[in-house]
Protein backbone atom coordinates (compact mmCIF):
# COMPACT_ATOMS: atom_id res chain seq x y z
CA MET A 1 104.28 93.54 81.28
CA ASN A 2 106.00 96.63 79.99
CA VAL A 3 106.04 100.15 81.37
CA LYS A 4 104.47 102.71 79.04
CA SER A 5 105.12 105.72 81.28
CA ARG A 6 105.99 106.57 84.86
CA HIS A 7 105.47 109.84 86.72
CA HIS A 8 104.80 111.24 90.19
CA LEU A 9 101.19 111.98 91.08
CA ARG A 10 100.02 115.46 92.01
CA SER A 11 98.86 116.05 95.56
CA ASP A 12 95.18 116.17 94.53
CA ALA A 13 95.45 112.72 92.89
CA VAL A 14 97.18 111.37 96.01
CA SER A 15 94.38 112.81 98.16
CA GLU A 16 91.77 111.11 95.95
CA ILE A 17 93.49 107.76 96.38
CA ARG A 18 93.79 108.15 100.14
CA GLU A 19 90.16 109.26 100.51
CA ALA A 20 88.83 106.42 98.32
CA LEU A 21 90.76 103.76 100.22
CA ALA A 22 89.78 105.21 103.60
CA GLU A 23 86.11 105.32 102.62
CA ARG A 24 85.87 101.91 100.94
CA LEU A 25 88.31 99.86 102.99
CA GLY A 26 89.05 101.76 106.18
CA VAL A 27 92.72 101.95 105.15
CA ASP A 28 94.91 104.91 106.06
CA LEU A 29 97.49 104.80 103.28
CA GLU A 30 100.58 106.73 104.27
CA GLY A 31 103.53 107.42 102.02
CA ASP A 32 105.87 110.17 100.90
CA SER A 33 106.04 109.26 97.20
CA PHE A 34 103.15 108.22 94.93
CA GLU A 35 104.17 107.30 91.40
CA LEU A 36 101.81 106.25 88.59
CA VAL A 37 103.09 103.47 86.33
CA GLU A 38 101.11 103.00 83.13
CA LEU A 39 101.48 99.51 81.69
CA THR A 40 101.26 98.74 77.97
CA ASP A 41 99.70 95.28 78.07
CA SER A 42 97.46 95.52 81.12
CA PRO A 43 93.98 96.89 81.81
CA PHE A 44 95.36 98.32 85.06
CA ASP A 45 97.58 101.23 86.00
CA LEU A 46 99.83 100.70 89.01
CA VAL A 47 100.62 103.19 91.77
CA LEU A 48 103.89 102.79 93.65
CA VAL A 49 103.72 104.08 97.21
CA ASP A 50 107.25 104.71 98.44
CA GLY A 51 108.36 102.30 95.70
CA ASN A 52 105.93 99.50 96.65
CA PRO A 53 103.19 98.36 94.23
CA ASP A 54 100.35 99.04 96.68
CA VAL A 55 97.55 100.49 94.53
CA LEU A 56 95.96 99.73 91.17
CA TYR A 57 93.49 101.72 89.15
CA TYR A 58 90.68 99.44 87.98
CA ASP A 59 88.23 100.36 85.24
CA GLY A 60 84.92 101.13 86.92
CA ASP A 61 81.40 101.56 85.65
CA GLY A 62 81.06 104.32 83.10
CA GLY A 63 84.75 104.26 82.18
CA ASP A 64 85.99 105.92 85.37
CA ARG A 65 89.03 104.50 87.13
CA GLU A 66 88.81 103.28 90.72
CA PRO A 67 91.83 103.11 93.01
CA PHE A 68 92.02 99.91 95.05
CA LEU A 69 94.73 97.98 96.84
CA THR A 70 96.79 95.35 95.06
CA VAL A 71 97.14 91.97 96.76
CA ARG A 72 100.52 93.09 98.12
CA GLY A 73 99.05 96.45 99.18
CA ALA A 74 96.16 94.75 100.98
CA ASN A 75 98.56 92.52 102.89
CA ASP A 76 100.74 95.51 103.83
CA HIS A 77 97.70 97.68 104.72
CA PRO A 78 94.97 95.23 105.83
CA PRO A 79 91.47 96.45 104.92
CA GLU A 80 88.83 96.76 107.64
CA ARG A 81 85.91 96.72 105.19
CA GLY A 82 85.19 95.31 101.74
CA VAL A 83 86.61 91.89 102.56
CA VAL A 84 85.28 88.48 101.53
CA THR A 85 86.75 85.61 103.56
CA VAL A 86 87.14 82.11 102.12
CA ASP A 87 87.79 78.74 103.75
CA ALA A 88 90.92 76.61 103.32
CA GLY A 89 89.33 74.60 100.51
CA ALA A 90 89.04 77.72 98.33
CA VAL A 91 92.59 79.00 98.89
CA SER A 92 94.29 77.14 96.03
CA PHE A 93 91.52 78.06 93.58
CA VAL A 94 91.48 81.77 94.48
CA SER A 95 95.30 81.85 94.44
CA ASP A 96 95.19 80.48 90.88
CA GLY A 97 92.78 83.21 89.76
CA ALA A 98 89.47 81.38 89.96
CA ASP A 99 86.29 83.34 90.58
CA VAL A 100 84.93 82.95 94.11
CA MET A 101 81.99 80.60 94.58
CA ARG A 102 79.43 80.72 97.42
CA PRO A 103 80.32 77.40 99.09
CA GLY A 104 83.88 78.61 99.85
CA ILE A 105 82.81 81.79 101.63
CA THR A 106 82.88 81.87 105.42
CA GLU A 107 82.25 85.60 105.85
CA ALA A 108 81.51 88.69 103.78
CA ASP A 109 81.21 92.34 104.76
CA ASP A 110 77.52 93.29 104.68
CA SER A 111 78.40 96.76 103.37
CA ILE A 112 79.61 95.26 100.05
CA ALA A 113 77.31 96.17 97.17
CA GLU A 114 77.06 94.40 93.83
CA GLY A 115 79.77 95.85 91.56
CA ASP A 116 82.12 96.86 94.40
CA LEU A 117 85.77 95.93 94.34
CA VAL A 118 86.59 93.52 97.18
CA ALA A 119 89.62 91.92 98.79
CA VAL A 120 89.45 88.13 99.08
CA ALA A 121 91.22 86.80 102.18
CA GLU A 122 91.75 83.35 103.66
CA GLU A 123 90.18 82.70 107.05
CA THR A 124 93.13 81.30 109.03
CA HIS A 125 95.71 84.09 108.74
CA ARG A 126 93.52 86.75 107.05
CA LYS A 127 96.04 87.10 104.21
CA VAL A 128 94.62 88.57 101.02
CA LEU A 129 94.79 86.17 98.08
CA GLY A 130 93.03 88.20 95.43
CA VAL A 131 91.04 91.22 94.40
CA GLY A 132 87.76 90.95 92.55
CA ARG A 133 84.45 92.56 91.70
CA ALA A 134 81.37 91.56 93.72
CA LEU A 135 78.65 90.00 91.60
CA VAL A 136 76.12 90.17 94.48
CA ASP A 137 75.70 92.16 97.70
CA GLY A 138 77.76 91.06 100.71
CA ALA A 139 74.72 89.79 102.60
CA GLU A 140 73.96 87.41 99.69
CA MET A 141 77.45 85.93 99.28
CA ALA A 142 77.36 82.91 101.58
CA GLY A 143 75.30 79.98 100.38
CA ASP A 144 75.23 76.69 98.51
CA SER A 145 76.01 77.51 94.89
CA GLY A 146 76.89 80.20 92.41
CA LYS A 147 79.68 82.60 91.50
CA VAL A 148 79.79 85.71 93.70
CA VAL A 149 83.16 87.43 93.04
CA LYS A 150 84.82 87.87 89.63
CA SER A 151 88.60 87.57 90.00
CA LEU A 152 90.65 90.53 88.71
CA HIS A 153 94.07 90.12 90.35
CA HIS A 154 95.52 87.33 92.48
CA VAL A 155 98.63 85.99 94.15
CA GLY A 156 101.16 84.89 91.55
CA ASP A 157 99.70 86.71 88.53
CA ASP A 158 101.78 89.07 86.38
CA LEU A 159 100.83 92.10 88.46
CA TYR A 160 101.71 90.33 91.69
CA GLU A 161 105.11 89.40 90.29
CA PHE A 162 105.66 92.84 88.69
CA SER A 163 108.70 94.80 89.82
CA ILE A 164 110.50 97.87 88.55
């Protein structure tokens, strides 16, 4: 992964990030410095908060970009909403970037709507293992079969290992 450009965000862009994360995840993201890092070979743009890779911009519906926490950001600033919890049997699969299947889900936030970005956490320690896009509403996630979260970013991928 190579850096295309890097610059500090304006206060209105920082406010948009903070508001989006507060609304979607219940996260109060504090920081003195917000820096956008555009990557050449990635569909994501990274935001460093006080030098930490805490936020990514994901491509949303209609071509707009949605700010959401990275795996590291979600573990540093645990989300209160928008979380899908998986059992121990799913941990290795999710950590390797697999999409989340219904049988591995122990809990899902009912406020999740199809198409929302979600944090995928393991049930024992509540550590976030991945970030994905919900393929169904939160109330429909638990069950016997079927894919319910498309993996976008996970522990150990290039973005997780990225450093400046």
